[in-house]
Amino acid sequence: MIEALRDAVFDRGVPFFGICVGMQLMATASQEHGRHLGLDWIAGDVVPLAQDNPALKIPHMGWNNVVVKPSYPLFDSVPDQSYFYFVHSYYVVPEDKATVATTTNYGIDFVSGIHHENIHAFQFHPEKSQQLGLTVLRNFSRLSS
C-alpha cells in the first residue's frame, strides 16, 4: 500500500489529505509508545502534547481556533481563527517551517496543519467541524478534480 500511495502522491501528483493520525503518519518518526518510523513525507517528528497546566486536559479534545497562513487555498471562505474539532495527544513538529499551514494554541502553539505541494494534512477533524470543516473538504475536492 505504501508503494501505491507514493506512486499516486509523488509520481502522479494526486492531492493527498491526511486527518489526525493521517497527518502524524507523514512525519519522519513518532515518539508515541517508543520511537517509530513514519512515511517521512514531511521531515519532522511527532511529539507528545505535554502540558504543565493541569487545567488543560490531555488528550486535547474539543473545539479550538486555528490560525491560518495567508493565502492557503484550502481555507478560502474560512475566516482566520475559526474553530475546528480536535482529539489528540501528539502533534507534528516539521523541520521545514514553510510546510506549516495552520497553528493552534492549547497551552503552547503547535502545528495543526501542514501543506507541501499536493500534500495537505490537519491535526483537527474537518469531518467533525460542521460547516467550516465541510468548506475545507470542498476546497480540497476542487484541487483533486
Protein backbone atom coordinates (compact mmCIF):
# COMPACT_ATOMS: atom_id res chain seq x y z
CA MET A 1 0.00 0.00 0.00
CA ILE A 2 2.86 2.40 0.78
CA GLU A 3 4.28 1.99 -2.73
CA ALA A 4 0.86 2.67 -4.28
CA LEU A 5 0.48 5.81 -2.16
CA ARG A 6 3.98 7.04 -3.07
CA ASP A 7 3.26 6.44 -6.75
CA ALA A 8 -0.02 8.34 -6.60
CA VAL A 9 1.17 11.26 -4.45
CA PHE A 10 4.75 11.76 -5.65
CA ASP A 11 4.90 10.32 -9.16
CA ARG A 12 1.43 11.26 -10.39
CA GLY A 13 0.83 14.32 -8.18
CA VAL A 14 -2.56 13.19 -6.84
CA PRO A 15 -3.64 15.53 -3.99
CA PHE A 16 -3.40 13.88 -0.58
CA PHE A 17 -5.45 14.79 2.52
CA GLY A 18 -4.43 13.48 5.96
CA ILE A 19 -6.55 13.83 9.10
CA CYS A 20 -5.22 13.48 12.68
CA VAL A 21 -3.11 10.29 12.69
CA GLY A 22 -3.06 10.64 8.89
CA MET A 23 -1.04 13.81 9.42
CA GLN A 24 1.21 12.19 12.00
CA LEU A 25 1.99 9.20 9.76
CA MET A 26 3.52 11.53 7.18
CA ALA A 27 6.27 12.64 9.57
CA THR A 28 9.71 11.07 9.76
CA ALA A 29 9.09 9.43 13.14
CA SER A 30 6.79 9.40 16.15
CA GLN A 31 7.58 9.32 19.86
CA GLU A 32 4.23 7.69 20.68
CA HIS A 33 4.90 4.50 22.71
CA GLY A 34 8.61 4.48 21.77
CA ARG A 35 10.19 5.73 18.55
CA HIS A 36 8.53 4.52 15.35
CA LEU A 37 9.28 5.45 11.76
CA GLY A 38 6.64 7.21 9.70
CA LEU A 39 6.35 7.67 5.94
CA ASP A 40 8.88 10.55 6.00
CA TRP A 41 6.87 12.62 3.51
CA ILE A 42 7.26 15.64 5.79
CA ALA A 43 10.58 15.79 7.64
CA GLY A 44 9.91 16.10 11.36
CA ASP A 45 8.83 14.28 14.48
CA VAL A 46 5.56 13.57 16.24
CA VAL A 47 5.87 14.59 19.88
CA PRO A 48 3.56 14.45 22.92
CA LEU A 49 1.34 17.38 23.74
CA ALA A 50 2.84 17.82 27.22
CA GLN A 51 1.16 20.34 29.47
CA ASP A 52 2.34 21.93 32.69
CA ASN A 53 -1.11 23.42 33.25
CA PRO A 54 -3.38 20.85 34.97
CA ALA A 55 -6.44 22.79 33.76
CA LEU A 56 -5.60 21.70 30.19
CA LYS A 57 -6.58 18.07 29.76
CA ILE A 58 -4.72 15.54 27.62
CA PRO A 59 -5.93 14.41 25.19
CA HIS A 60 -6.80 17.79 23.76
CA MET A 61 -10.44 17.15 22.91
CA GLY A 62 -12.93 19.74 21.76
CA TRP A 63 -13.17 22.95 19.80
CA ASN A 64 -10.20 25.24 19.33
CA ASN A 65 -9.33 28.06 16.98
CA VAL A 66 -6.94 27.69 14.06
CA VAL A 67 -4.58 30.40 12.85
CA VAL A 68 -4.18 30.16 9.07
CA LYS A 69 -1.18 31.19 7.00
CA PRO A 70 -2.24 33.83 4.46
CA SER A 71 -3.45 32.62 1.07
CA TYR A 72 -3.65 28.94 1.97
CA PRO A 73 -6.16 27.68 -0.64
CA LEU A 74 -7.98 25.11 1.50
CA PHE A 75 -9.12 27.94 3.77
CA ASP A 76 -10.75 30.06 1.06
CA SER A 77 -14.05 31.27 2.60
CA VAL A 78 -12.91 30.21 6.09
CA PRO A 79 -12.14 33.11 8.44
CA ASP A 80 -8.82 33.08 10.27
CA GLN A 81 -9.13 31.99 13.91
CA SER A 82 -12.16 29.79 13.11
CA TYR A 83 -12.90 26.88 15.43
CA PHE A 84 -12.35 23.23 14.49
CA TYR A 85 -12.73 20.00 16.45
CA PHE A 86 -9.64 18.28 17.90
CA VAL A 87 -8.97 14.90 19.53
CA HIS A 88 -5.24 14.22 20.02
CA SER A 89 -2.36 13.82 22.43
CA TYR A 90 0.51 14.24 19.90
CA TYR A 91 1.40 16.71 17.16
CA VAL A 92 3.88 17.08 14.31
CA VAL A 93 6.94 19.34 14.60
CA PRO A 94 8.07 19.78 10.98
CA GLU A 95 11.72 20.61 10.24
CA ASP A 96 10.76 22.98 7.42
CA LYS A 97 8.59 25.76 8.83
CA ALA A 98 7.47 26.57 5.26
CA THR A 99 5.25 23.46 5.45
CA VAL A 100 3.19 24.95 8.30
CA ALA A 101 -0.32 25.81 7.05
CA THR A 102 -2.08 26.34 10.39
CA THR A 103 -1.25 26.61 14.08
CA THR A 104 -3.31 26.31 17.23
CA ASN A 105 -2.72 27.20 20.86
CA TYR A 106 -3.50 24.71 23.59
CA GLY A 107 -1.16 25.81 26.35
CA ILE A 108 1.53 26.01 23.64
CA ASP A 109 1.42 26.95 19.99
CA PHE A 110 1.53 23.77 17.92
CA VAL A 111 1.32 22.94 14.21
CA SER A 112 -2.27 21.94 13.43
CA GLY A 113 -1.93 21.82 9.65
CA ILE A 114 0.77 21.20 7.07
CA HIS A 115 0.97 21.78 3.35
CA HIS A 116 3.65 20.80 0.86
CA GLU A 117 2.87 20.85 -2.84
CA ASN A 118 -0.04 18.38 -3.24
CA ILE A 119 0.06 17.19 0.40
CA HIS A 120 -2.42 18.66 2.92
CA ALA A 121 -2.94 17.40 6.45
CA PHE A 122 -4.56 18.56 9.67
CA GLN A 123 -4.42 17.57 13.32
CA PHE A 124 -8.05 18.63 13.71
CA HIS A 125 -11.03 16.77 12.26
CA PRO A 126 -12.71 18.71 9.44
CA GLU A 127 -15.31 15.94 9.10
CA LYS A 128 -16.43 16.73 12.69
CA SER A 129 -16.09 20.50 12.39
CA GLN A 130 -19.51 21.34 10.98
CA GLN A 131 -19.88 23.87 8.16
CA LEU A 132 -16.32 25.23 8.20
CA GLY A 133 -14.89 21.71 8.11
CA LEU A 134 -17.11 20.93 5.14
CA THR A 135 -15.80 24.07 3.44
CA VAL A 136 -12.20 22.86 3.87
CA LEU A 137 -13.17 19.45 2.45
CA ARG A 138 -14.98 21.09 -0.50
CA ASN A 139 -11.93 23.27 -1.20
CA PHE A 140 -9.77 20.15 -1.23
CA SER A 141 -12.14 18.35 -3.59
CA ARG A 142 -11.73 21.23 -6.06
CA LEU A 143 -7.96 20.59 -6.08
CA SER A 144 -8.42 16.97 -6.97
CA SER A 145 -10.98 17.41 -9.73
